[in-house]
C-alpha atoms as a PDB file:
ATOM      1  CA  MET A   1       2.835  -7.754 -23.264  1.00  0.00           C
ATOM      2  CA  ASN A   2       0.638  -4.928 -22.006  1.00  0.00           C
ATOM      3  CA  GLN A   3       2.150  -1.750 -20.679  1.00  0.00           C
ATOM      4  CA  TYR A   4       0.674  -0.587 -17.390  1.00  0.00           C
ATOM      5  CA  ASN A   5       0.958   2.694 -15.553  1.00  0.00           C
ATOM      6  CA  GLN A   6       3.239   1.588 -12.732  1.00  0.00           C
ATOM      7  CA  GLY A   7       2.662   4.805 -10.792  1.00  0.00           C
ATOM      8  CA  LYS A   8      -1.070   4.113 -10.618  1.00  0.00           C
ATOM      9  CA  ILE A   9      -0.458   0.478  -9.694  1.00  0.00           C
ATOM     10  CA  ASP A  10       1.853   1.601  -6.887  1.00  0.00           C
ATOM     11  CA  GLU A  11      -0.802   4.000  -5.589  1.00  0.00           C
ATOM     12  CA  VAL A  12      -3.547   1.369  -5.622  1.00  0.00           C
ATOM     13  CA  VAL A  13      -1.391  -1.288  -3.927  1.00  0.00           C
ATOM     14  CA  LEU A  14      -0.387   1.186  -1.210  1.00  0.00           C
ATOM     15  CA  ALA A  15      -4.057   2.172  -0.858  1.00  0.00           C
ATOM     16  CA  LEU A  16      -5.126  -1.463  -0.519  1.00  0.00           C
ATOM     17  CA  MET A  17      -2.678  -1.868   2.353  1.00  0.00           C
ATOM     18  CA  GLN A  18      -5.194   0.233   4.342  1.00  0.00           C
ATOM     19  CA  LEU A  19      -7.433  -2.833   4.427  1.00  0.00           C
ATOM     20  CA  THR A  20      -4.904  -4.975   6.308  1.00  0.00           C
ATOM     21  CA  LEU A  21      -3.275  -2.382   8.585  1.00  0.00           C
ATOM     22  CA  HIS A  22      -2.425  -3.662  12.044  1.00  0.00           C
ATOM     23  CA  ASP A  23      -0.029  -2.697  14.856  1.00  0.00           C
ATOM     24  CA  THR A  24      -0.333   0.957  13.769  1.00  0.00           C
ATOM     25  CA  ASN A  25       1.839   0.776  10.635  1.00  0.00           C
ATOM     26  CA  ARG A  26       2.037  -2.814   9.387  1.00  0.00           C
ATOM     27  CA  ALA A  27       0.148  -4.409   6.491  1.00  0.00           C
ATOM     28  CA  TRP A  28       0.189  -7.844   4.926  1.00  0.00           C
ATOM     29  CA  LYS A  29       2.615  -7.980   2.027  1.00  0.00           C
ATOM     30  CA  GLY A  30       0.781 -10.322  -0.329  1.00  0.00           C
ATOM     31  CA  PHE A  31       1.482  -8.214  -3.404  1.00  0.00           C
ATOM     32  CA  ASP A  32       3.746  -8.538  -6.422  1.00  0.00           C
ATOM     33  CA  TRP A  33       7.445  -8.278  -5.489  1.00  0.00           C
ATOM     34  CA  ASP A  34       8.203  -5.751  -8.245  1.00  0.00           C
ATOM     35  CA  VAL A  35       5.534  -3.431  -6.834  1.00  0.00           C
ATOM     36  CA  LEU A  36       6.807  -3.880  -3.268  1.00  0.00           C
ATOM     37  CA  ASP A  37      10.335  -3.107  -4.453  1.00  0.00           C
ATOM     38  CA  ARG A  38       9.118   0.113  -6.096  1.00  0.00           C
ATOM     39  CA  LEU A  39       7.240   1.140  -2.946  1.00  0.00           C
ATOM     40  CA  TYR A  40      10.430   0.543  -0.957  1.00  0.00           C
ATOM     41  CA  GLU A  41      12.477   2.604  -3.430  1.00  0.00           C
ATOM     42  CA  LYS A  42       9.966   5.452  -3.045  1.00  0.00           C
ATOM     43  CA  GLY A  43      10.432   5.320   0.732  1.00  0.00           C
ATOM     44  CA  TRP A  44       6.827   4.310   1.426  1.00  0.00           C
ATOM     45  CA  ILE A  45       7.531   0.929   3.022  1.00  0.00           C
ATOM     46  CA  ASP A  46      10.350  -0.774   4.882  1.00  0.00           C
ATOM     47  CA  SER A  47      12.382  -3.376   3.018  1.00  0.00           C
ATOM     48  CA  PRO A  48      10.075  -6.177   1.902  1.00  0.00           C
ATOM     49  CA  ARG A  49      12.969  -8.662   1.698  1.00  0.00           C
ATOM     50  CA  ASN A  50      12.551 -10.447   5.000  1.00  0.00           C
ATOM     51  CA  LYS A  51      10.746 -13.496   6.377  1.00  0.00           C
ATOM     52  CA  THR A  52       7.861 -11.661   8.020  1.00  0.00           C
ATOM     53  CA  LYS A  53       4.416 -11.839   6.434  1.00  0.00           C
ATOM     54  CA  SER A  54       3.750  -8.142   6.949  1.00  0.00           C
ATOM     55  CA  ILE A  55       5.517  -4.962   5.938  1.00  0.00           C
ATOM     56  CA  GLY A  56       6.068  -1.735   7.828  1.00  0.00           C
ATOM     57  CA  LEU A  57       4.806   1.439   6.221  1.00  0.00           C
ATOM     58  CA  THR A  58       6.889   4.545   6.745  1.00  0.00           C
ATOM     59  CA  GLU A  59       5.292   7.735   8.065  1.00  0.00           C
ATOM     60  CA  GLU A  60       5.075   9.027   4.488  1.00  0.00           C
ATOM     61  CA  GLY A  61       3.744   5.641   3.353  1.00  0.00           C
ATOM     62  CA  LEU A  62       0.975   5.693   5.958  1.00  0.00           C
ATOM     63  CA  ALA A  63      -0.091   9.186   4.936  1.00  0.00           C
ATOM     64  CA  ASN A  64       0.004   8.296   1.241  1.00  0.00           C
ATOM     65  CA  SER A  65      -1.836   5.023   1.829  1.00  0.00           C
ATOM     66  CA  SER A  66      -4.731   6.863   3.443  1.00  0.00           C
ATOM     67  CA  SER A  67      -4.718   9.587   0.794  1.00  0.00           C
ATOM     68  CA  PHE A  68      -4.560   7.118  -2.107  1.00  0.00           C
ATOM     69  CA  PHE A  69      -7.369   5.035  -0.586  1.00  0.00           C
ATOM     70  CA  GLU A  70      -9.567   8.124  -0.494  1.00  0.00           C
ATOM     71  CA  LYS A  71      -8.514   9.106  -4.034  1.00  0.00           C
ATOM     72  CA  HIS A  72      -9.153   5.723  -5.640  1.00  0.00           C
ATOM     73  CA  PHE A  73     -11.999   4.339  -3.525  1.00  0.00           C
ATOM     74  CA  GLY A  74     -13.681   7.355  -1.925  1.00  0.00           C
ATOM     75  CA  SER A  75     -14.960   7.819   1.564  1.00  0.00           C
ATOM     76  CA  ILE A  76     -16.591   4.980   3.367  1.00  0.00           C
ATOM     77  CA  ASP A  77     -20.177   5.800   4.304  1.00  0.00           C
ATOM     78  CA  PRO A  78     -20.930   3.909   7.529  1.00  0.00           C
ATOM     79  CA  THR A  79     -24.613   3.681   6.550  1.00  0.00           C
ATOM     80  CA  GLU A  80     -23.780   1.682   3.384  1.00  0.00           C
ATOM     81  CA  ASN A  81     -23.287  -2.063   3.421  1.00  0.00           C
END
């Protein structure tokens, strides 16, 4: 089995949550449970173990999500399609 850098995976998953943000701090939680558990342990999201289809990002999680999105995907140029 391949070994992956879990820290980088955690950053990218949190960054991708930027794409589904709604209600200020909620994102859809359609990601691997092990990753969601790690994000919860880091204090970046609320507990993923509930029946809702979205997850609350903590204040730190929101800030990191935005920062990681910029780091991994760069700025969005509104003139590009």
